[in-house]
PDB file of N, CA and C in Angstrom:
ATOM      1  N   MET A   1      35.923  14.388  18.637  1.00  0.00           N
ATOM      2  CA  MET A   1      35.272  13.115  18.779  1.00  0.00           C
ATOM      3  C   MET A   1      33.437  13.019  18.220  1.00  0.00           C
ATOM      4  N   THR A   2      32.917  13.812  18.969  1.00  0.00           N
ATOM      5  CA  THR A   2      31.357  14.469  18.500  1.00  0.00           C
ATOM      6  C   THR A   2      31.326  14.778  17.326  1.00  0.00           C
ATOM      7  N   ARG A   3      31.958  15.236  16.448  1.00  0.00           N
ATOM      8  CA  ARG A   3      31.909  16.271  15.142  1.00  0.00           C
ATOM      9  C   ARG A   3      31.814  15.148  14.389  1.00  0.00           C
ATOM     10  N   PRO A   4      32.313  14.177  13.809  1.00  0.00           N
ATOM     11  CA  PRO A   4      32.167  12.979  13.372  1.00  0.00           C
ATOM     12  C   PRO A   4      30.721  12.274  13.169  1.00  0.00           C
ATOM     13  N   ALA A   5      30.183  11.652  14.178  1.00  0.00           N
ATOM     14  CA  ALA A   5      28.593  11.453  13.860  1.00  0.00           C
ATOM     15  C   ALA A   5      27.694  11.978  13.256  1.00  0.00           C
ATOM     16  N   PRO A   6      27.731  13.047  13.460  1.00  0.00           N
ATOM     17  CA  PRO A   6      26.467  13.760  12.653  1.00  0.00           C
ATOM     18  C   PRO A   6      27.264  14.188  11.142  1.00  0.00           C
ATOM     19  N   LEU A   7      28.392  13.845  11.265  1.00  0.00           N
ATOM     20  CA  LEU A   7      28.464  14.131   9.457  1.00  0.00           C
ATOM     21  C   LEU A   7      28.215  12.742   8.838  1.00  0.00           C
ATOM     22  N   LEU A   8      28.801  11.823   9.725  1.00  0.00           N
ATOM     23  CA  LEU A   8      28.373  10.502   9.028  1.00  0.00           C
ATOM     24  C   LEU A   8      26.990   9.842   8.956  1.00  0.00           C
ATOM     25  N   LEU A   9      26.020  10.320   9.871  1.00  0.00           N
ATOM     26  CA  LEU A   9      24.655  10.466  10.093  1.00  0.00           C
ATOM     27  C   LEU A   9      24.018  10.732   8.955  1.00  0.00           C
ATOM     28  N   LEU A  10      24.247  12.360   8.438  1.00  0.00           N
ATOM     29  CA  LEU A  10      24.066  12.868   7.421  1.00  0.00           C
ATOM     30  C   LEU A  10      24.693  12.330   5.958  1.00  0.00           C
ATOM     31  N   LEU A  11      25.577  11.718   5.975  1.00  0.00           N
ATOM     32  CA  LEU A  11      26.321  11.023   5.231  1.00  0.00           C
ATOM     33  C   LEU A  11      25.390   9.551   4.463  1.00  0.00           C
ATOM     34  N   ALA A  12      25.189   9.070   5.464  1.00  0.00           N
ATOM     35  CA  ALA A  12      24.346   7.518   5.447  1.00  0.00           C
ATOM     36  C   ALA A  12      23.091   7.898   5.116  1.00  0.00           C
ATOM     37  N   ALA A  13      22.137   9.335   5.217  1.00  0.00           N
ATOM     38  CA  ALA A  13      20.760   9.560   4.728  1.00  0.00           C
ATOM     39  C   ALA A  13      20.999  10.003   3.841  1.00  0.00           C
ATOM     40  N   LEU A  14      22.234  10.841   3.061  1.00  0.00           N
ATOM     41  CA  LEU A  14      21.519  11.115   1.585  1.00  0.00           C
ATOM     42  C   LEU A  14      21.893  10.093   0.432  1.00  0.00           C
ATOM     43  N   LEU A  15      23.188   9.293   1.048  1.00  0.00           N
ATOM     44  CA  LEU A  15      23.298   7.998   0.096  1.00  0.00           C
ATOM     45  C   LEU A  15      21.961   7.070  -0.026  1.00  0.00           C
ATOM     46  N   PHE A  16      21.232   7.337   1.506  1.00  0.00           N
ATOM     47  CA  PHE A  16      19.917   6.105   1.501  1.00  0.00           C
ATOM     48  C   PHE A  16      18.628   6.819   0.360  1.00  0.00           C
ATOM     49  N   PHE A  17      18.753   7.900   0.832  1.00  0.00           N
ATOM     50  CA  PHE A  17      17.993   8.720  -0.259  1.00  0.00           C
ATOM     51  C   PHE A  17      17.983   9.077  -1.374  1.00  0.00           C
ATOM     52  N   PHE A  18      19.482   9.041  -1.971  1.00  0.00           N
ATOM     53  CA  PHE A  18      19.782   9.191  -3.219  1.00  0.00           C
ATOM     54  C   PHE A  18      18.864   8.739  -4.547  1.00  0.00           C
ATOM     55  N   ALA A  19      19.048   7.223  -4.399  1.00  0.00           N
ATOM     56  CA  ALA A  19      18.235   7.275  -5.612  1.00  0.00           C
ATOM     57  C   ALA A  19      17.015   6.400  -5.359  1.00  0.00           C
ATOM     58  N   LEU A  20      16.267   6.827  -4.193  1.00  0.00           N
ATOM     59  CA  LEU A  20      14.980   6.117  -3.790  1.00  0.00           C
ATOM     60  C   LEU A  20      13.949   7.271  -4.758  1.00  0.00           C
ATOM     61  N   GLY A  21      13.493   5.983  -5.058  1.00  0.00           N
ATOM     62  CA  GLY A  21      12.146   6.493  -6.011  1.00  0.00           C
ATOM     63  C   GLY A  21      12.483   6.480  -7.810  1.00  0.00           C
ATOM     64  N   ASN A  22      14.026   6.174  -8.056  1.00  0.00           N
ATOM     65  CA  ASN A  22      14.322   6.314  -9.745  1.00  0.00           C
ATOM     66  C   ASN A  22      14.192   4.798 -10.367  1.00  0.00           C
ATOM     67  N   HIS A  23      13.968   3.869  -9.599  1.00  0.00           N
ATOM     68  CA  HIS A  23      13.289   2.935 -10.516  1.00  0.00           C
ATOM     69  C   HIS A  23      11.901   2.376 -10.521  1.00  0.00           C
ATOM     70  N   GLU A  24      11.812   0.968 -11.063  1.00  0.00           N
ATOM     71  CA  GLU A  24      10.539   0.843 -11.528  1.00  0.00           C
ATOM     72  C   GLU A  24      10.429  -0.796 -11.226  1.00  0.00           C
ATOM     73  N   LEU A  25       9.354  -1.494 -10.992  1.00  0.00           N
ATOM     74  CA  LEU A  25       8.769  -2.761 -10.497  1.00  0.00           C
ATOM     75  C   LEU A  25      10.081  -3.607 -11.040  1.00  0.00           C
ATOM     76  N   GLN A  26      10.724  -4.100 -10.485  1.00  0.00           N
ATOM     77  CA  GLN A  26      11.547  -5.422 -10.842  1.00  0.00           C
ATOM     78  C   GLN A  26      11.010  -6.850 -11.483  1.00  0.00           C
ATOM     79  N   GLY A  27      10.984  -7.148 -12.378  1.00  0.00           N
ATOM     80  CA  GLY A  27      10.162  -8.407 -13.391  1.00  0.00           C
ATOM     81  C   GLY A  27       9.123  -8.496 -13.113  1.00  0.00           C
ATOM     82  N   SER A  28       8.477  -9.774 -13.562  1.00  0.00           N
ATOM     83  CA  SER A  28       7.271 -10.310 -13.454  1.00  0.00           C
ATOM     84  C   SER A  28       7.064 -10.526 -11.846  1.00  0.00           C
ATOM     85  N   THR A  29       7.974 -10.994 -11.147  1.00  0.00           N
ATOM     86  CA  THR A  29       7.308 -11.537  -9.858  1.00  0.00           C
ATOM     87  C   THR A  29       7.333 -10.252  -8.693  1.00  0.00           C
ATOM     88  N   GLU A  30       8.091  -9.132  -8.462  1.00  0.00           N
ATOM     89  CA  GLU A  30       7.756  -7.754  -7.849  1.00  0.00           C
ATOM     90  C   GLU A  30       6.364  -7.371  -8.039  1.00  0.00           C
ATOM     91  N   ALA A  31       5.751  -7.315  -9.420  1.00  0.00           N
ATOM     92  CA  ALA A  31       4.238  -6.945  -9.910  1.00  0.00           C
ATOM     93  C   ALA A  31       3.629  -7.617  -9.537  1.00  0.00           C
ATOM     94  N   ARG A  32       4.085  -9.455  -9.428  1.00  0.00           N
ATOM     95  CA  ARG A  32       2.188 -10.141  -9.064  1.00  0.00           C
ATOM     96  C   ARG A  32       2.568 -10.016  -7.419  1.00  0.00           C
ATOM     97  N   VAL A  33       3.474  -9.702  -6.393  1.00  0.00           N
ATOM     98  CA  VAL A  33       3.663  -9.770  -5.643  1.00  0.00           C
ATOM     99  C   VAL A  33       2.910  -8.776  -4.982  1.00  0.00           C
ATOM    100  N   SER A  34       3.370  -7.724  -5.688  1.00  0.00           N
ATOM    101  CA  SER A  34       2.666  -6.266  -4.912  1.00  0.00           C
ATOM    102  C   SER A  34       1.065  -6.435  -5.733  1.00  0.00           C
ATOM    103  N   GLY A  35       0.190  -6.804  -6.963  1.00  0.00           N
ATOM    104  CA  GLY A  35      -0.468  -7.029  -6.642  1.00  0.00           C
ATOM    105  C   GLY A  35      -1.461  -8.037  -5.882  1.00  0.00           C
ATOM    106  N   ILE A  36      -1.278  -8.821  -5.416  1.00  0.00           N
ATOM    107  CA  ILE A  36      -1.524  -9.686  -4.646  1.00  0.00           C
ATOM    108  C   ILE A  36      -1.454  -9.318  -3.456  1.00  0.00           C
ATOM    109  N   ALA A  37      -0.464  -8.398  -2.663  1.00  0.00           N
ATOM    110  CA  ALA A  37      -0.609  -7.854  -1.708  1.00  0.00           C
ATOM    111  C   ALA A  37      -1.658  -6.926  -1.840  1.00  0.00           C
ATOM    112  N   MET A  38      -1.953  -5.982  -2.847  1.00  0.00           N
ATOM    113  CA  MET A  38      -2.633  -4.986  -2.685  1.00  0.00           C
ATOM    114  C   MET A  38      -4.282  -5.730  -2.930  1.00  0.00           C
ATOM    115  N   ALA A  39      -4.557  -6.758  -3.382  1.00  0.00           N
ATOM    116  CA  ALA A  39      -6.227  -7.311  -3.241  1.00  0.00           C
ATOM    117  C   ALA A  39      -6.193  -7.795  -2.089  1.00  0.00           C
ATOM    118  N   MET A  40      -4.941  -8.567  -1.740  1.00  0.00           N
ATOM    119  CA  MET A  40      -5.513  -8.540   0.425  1.00  0.00           C
ATOM    120  C   MET A  40      -5.765  -7.508   0.904  1.00  0.00           C
ATOM    121  N   HIS A  41      -4.882  -6.147   0.734  1.00  0.00           N
ATOM    122  CA  HIS A  41      -5.433  -5.311   1.356  1.00  0.00           C
ATOM    123  C   HIS A  41      -6.775  -4.498   1.371  1.00  0.00           C
ATOM    124  N   LEU A  42      -7.022  -4.410  -0.375  1.00  0.00           N
ATOM    125  CA  LEU A  42      -8.214  -3.684  -0.365  1.00  0.00           C
ATOM    126  C   LEU A  42      -9.710  -4.644  -0.143  1.00  0.00           C
ATOM    127  N   ASP A  43      -9.637  -6.024  -0.953  1.00  0.00           N
ATOM    128  CA  ASP A  43     -10.858  -7.003  -0.433  1.00  0.00           C
ATOM    129  C   ASP A  43     -10.531  -7.116   1.240  1.00  0.00           C
ATOM    130  N   ASN A  44     -10.078  -6.650   2.283  1.00  0.00           N
ATOM    131  CA  ASN A  44      -9.624  -7.241   3.120  1.00  0.00           C
ATOM    132  C   ASN A  44      -9.807  -9.104   3.798  1.00  0.00           C
ATOM    133  N   ASP A  45      -9.272  -9.719   2.642  1.00  0.00           N
ATOM    134  CA  ASP A  45      -9.111 -11.362   2.874  1.00  0.00           C
ATOM    135  C   ASP A  45      -7.654 -11.650   3.076  1.00  0.00           C
ATOM    136  N   TRP A  46      -7.279 -11.628   4.192  1.00  0.00           N
ATOM    137  CA  TRP A  46      -5.958 -11.722   4.447  1.00  0.00           C
ATOM    138  C   TRP A  46      -5.428 -13.479   4.660  1.00  0.00           C
ATOM    139  N   VAL A  47      -6.604 -14.393   4.228  1.00  0.00           N
ATOM    140  CA  VAL A  47      -6.720 -16.056   4.349  1.00  0.00           C
ATOM    141  C   VAL A  47      -5.620 -16.063   3.320  1.00  0.00           C
ATOM    142  N   VAL A  48      -6.506 -16.072   2.578  1.00  0.00           N
ATOM    143  CA  VAL A  48      -6.179 -16.672   1.101  1.00  0.00           C
ATOM    144  C   VAL A  48      -5.787 -15.733   0.293  1.00  0.00           C
ATOM    145  N   PRO A  49      -4.438 -15.631  -0.404  1.00  0.00           N
ATOM    146  CA  PRO A  49      -3.970 -14.899  -1.377  1.00  0.00           C
ATOM    147  C   PRO A  49      -4.328 -14.972  -2.432  1.00  0.00           C
ATOM    148  N   ARG A  50      -5.096 -14.060  -3.129  1.00  0.00           N
ATOM    149  CA  ARG A  50      -5.284 -13.844  -4.605  1.00  0.00           C
ATOM    150  C   ARG A  50      -4.529 -13.268  -5.486  1.00  0.00           C
ATOM    151  N   LEU A  51      -4.757 -14.187  -6.676  1.00  0.00           N
ATOM    152  CA  LEU A  51      -4.167 -13.557  -8.074  1.00  0.00           C
ATOM    153  C   LEU A  51      -5.112 -13.437  -9.091  1.00  0.00           C
ATOM    154  N   PHE A  52      -6.058 -12.256  -9.917  1.00  0.00           N
ATOM    155  CA  PHE A  52      -7.020 -11.769 -10.658  1.00  0.00           C
ATOM    156  C   PHE A  52      -8.124 -12.841  -9.737  1.00  0.00           C
ATOM    157  N   ARG A  53      -8.496 -13.153  -8.567  1.00  0.00           N
ATOM    158  CA  ARG A  53      -9.816 -13.520  -8.096  1.00  0.00           C
ATOM    159  C   ARG A  53      -9.403 -15.370  -8.195  1.00  0.00           C
ATOM    160  N   GLU A  54      -8.655 -15.155  -8.438  1.00  0.00           N
ATOM    161  CA  GLU A  54      -7.912 -17.135  -8.210  1.00  0.00           C
ATOM    162  C   GLU A  54      -6.903 -17.436  -7.078  1.00  0.00           C
ATOM    163  N   PRO A  55      -7.495 -17.876  -6.024  1.00  0.00           N
ATOM    164  CA  PRO A  55      -6.046 -18.577  -4.988  1.00  0.00           C
ATOM    165  C   PRO A  55      -4.888 -19.063  -5.581  1.00  0.00           C
ATOM    166  N   PHE A  56      -3.883 -18.016  -4.831  1.00  0.00           N
ATOM    167  CA  PHE A  56      -2.519 -18.327  -5.411  1.00  0.00           C
ATOM    168  C   PHE A  56      -2.075 -18.880  -4.111  1.00  0.00           C
ATOM    169  N   LEU A  57      -1.607 -19.977  -4.737  1.00  0.00           N
ATOM    170  CA  LEU A  57      -1.463 -20.834  -3.196  1.00  0.00           C
ATOM    171  C   LEU A  57       0.255 -21.349  -3.673  1.00  0.00           C
ATOM    172  N   GLU A  58       0.778 -20.656  -4.221  1.00  0.00           N
ATOM    173  CA  GLU A  58       2.093 -21.362  -4.848  1.00  0.00           C
ATOM    174  C   GLU A  58       3.519 -20.937  -3.842  1.00  0.00           C
ATOM    175  N   LYS A  59       2.854 -19.827  -3.451  1.00  0.00           N
ATOM    176  CA  LYS A  59       4.290 -19.386  -1.958  1.00  0.00           C
ATOM    177  C   LYS A  59       3.380 -19.142  -0.718  1.00  0.00           C
ATOM    178  N   PRO A  60       4.509 -19.549   0.084  1.00  0.00           N
ATOM    179  CA  PRO A  60       3.651 -19.509   1.762  1.00  0.00           C
ATOM    180  C   PRO A  60       3.626 -18.004   1.706  1.00  0.00           C
ATOM    181  N   PRO A  61       1.983 -17.373   2.553  1.00  0.00           N
ATOM    182  CA  PRO A  61       1.756 -16.063   2.728  1.00  0.00           C
ATOM    183  C   PRO A  61       2.521 -15.438   3.038  1.00  0.00           C
ATOM    184  N   LEU A  62       2.855 -15.586   4.828  1.00  0.00           N
ATOM    185  CA  LEU A  62       3.610 -14.079   5.499  1.00  0.00           C
ATOM    186  C   LEU A  62       4.078 -13.451   4.367  1.00  0.00           C
ATOM    187  N   SER A  63       4.975 -13.711   3.573  1.00  0.00           N
ATOM    188  CA  SER A  63       5.978 -12.374   2.864  1.00  0.00           C
ATOM    189  C   SER A  63       4.402 -11.777   1.935  1.00  0.00           C
ATOM    190  N   LEU A  64       3.687 -12.093   1.610  1.00  0.00           N
ATOM    191  CA  LEU A  64       2.736 -11.467   1.054  1.00  0.00           C
ATOM    192  C   LEU A  64       1.844 -10.271   1.913  1.00  0.00           C
ATOM    193  N   TRP A  65       1.584 -11.036   2.853  1.00  0.00           N
ATOM    194  CA  TRP A  65       1.109 -10.884   4.277  1.00  0.00           C
ATOM    195  C   TRP A  65       2.040  -9.052   4.749  1.00  0.00           C
ATOM    196  N   LEU A  66       3.280  -9.276   4.802  1.00  0.00           N
ATOM    197  CA  LEU A  66       4.471  -8.406   5.365  1.00  0.00           C
ATOM    198  C   LEU A  66       4.148  -7.078   4.625  1.00  0.00           C
ATOM    199  N   ASP A  67       3.650  -7.636   3.079  1.00  0.00           N
ATOM    200  CA  ASP A  67       4.073  -6.418   2.267  1.00  0.00           C
ATOM    201  C   ASP A  67       2.603  -6.031   1.818  1.00  0.00           C
ATOM    202  N   ALA A  68       1.337  -7.108   2.452  1.00  0.00           N
ATOM    203  CA  ALA A  68       0.067  -6.184   2.527  1.00  0.00           C
ATOM    204  C   ALA A  68       0.024  -5.097   3.948  1.00  0.00           C
ATOM    205  N   GLY A  69       0.593  -5.667   4.876  1.00  0.00           N
ATOM    206  CA  GLY A  69       0.433  -4.917   6.137  1.00  0.00           C
ATOM    207  C   GLY A  69       1.605  -3.316   5.953  1.00  0.00           C
ATOM    208  N   ALA A  70       2.128  -3.438   4.928  1.00  0.00           N
ATOM    209  CA  ALA A  70       3.354  -2.305   4.567  1.00  0.00           C
ATOM    210  C   ALA A  70       2.365  -1.540   4.946  1.00  0.00           C
TER     211      ALA A  70
END
C-alpha cells in the first residue's frame, strides 16, 4: 500500500516538469505585465506601477506586486 505513493509522486513531478520552459510569453498582456513587474523591482518603486516610465493605472496593482515580488 505504501508503494503507490512514491510512484504517484514521481509521476506527478514528471508531468509537472515535462514542458516547463518550452513556451514563450503568451500574447501582449503577459509581456506587458512582466515588464511592469520588472520595472517595479529594478526601480524599487512599489507604489505606482509604470510602463515605459508612465504610470500604469488601468489595473489594480496587487497582481503586479505579486509578480514583482516573485
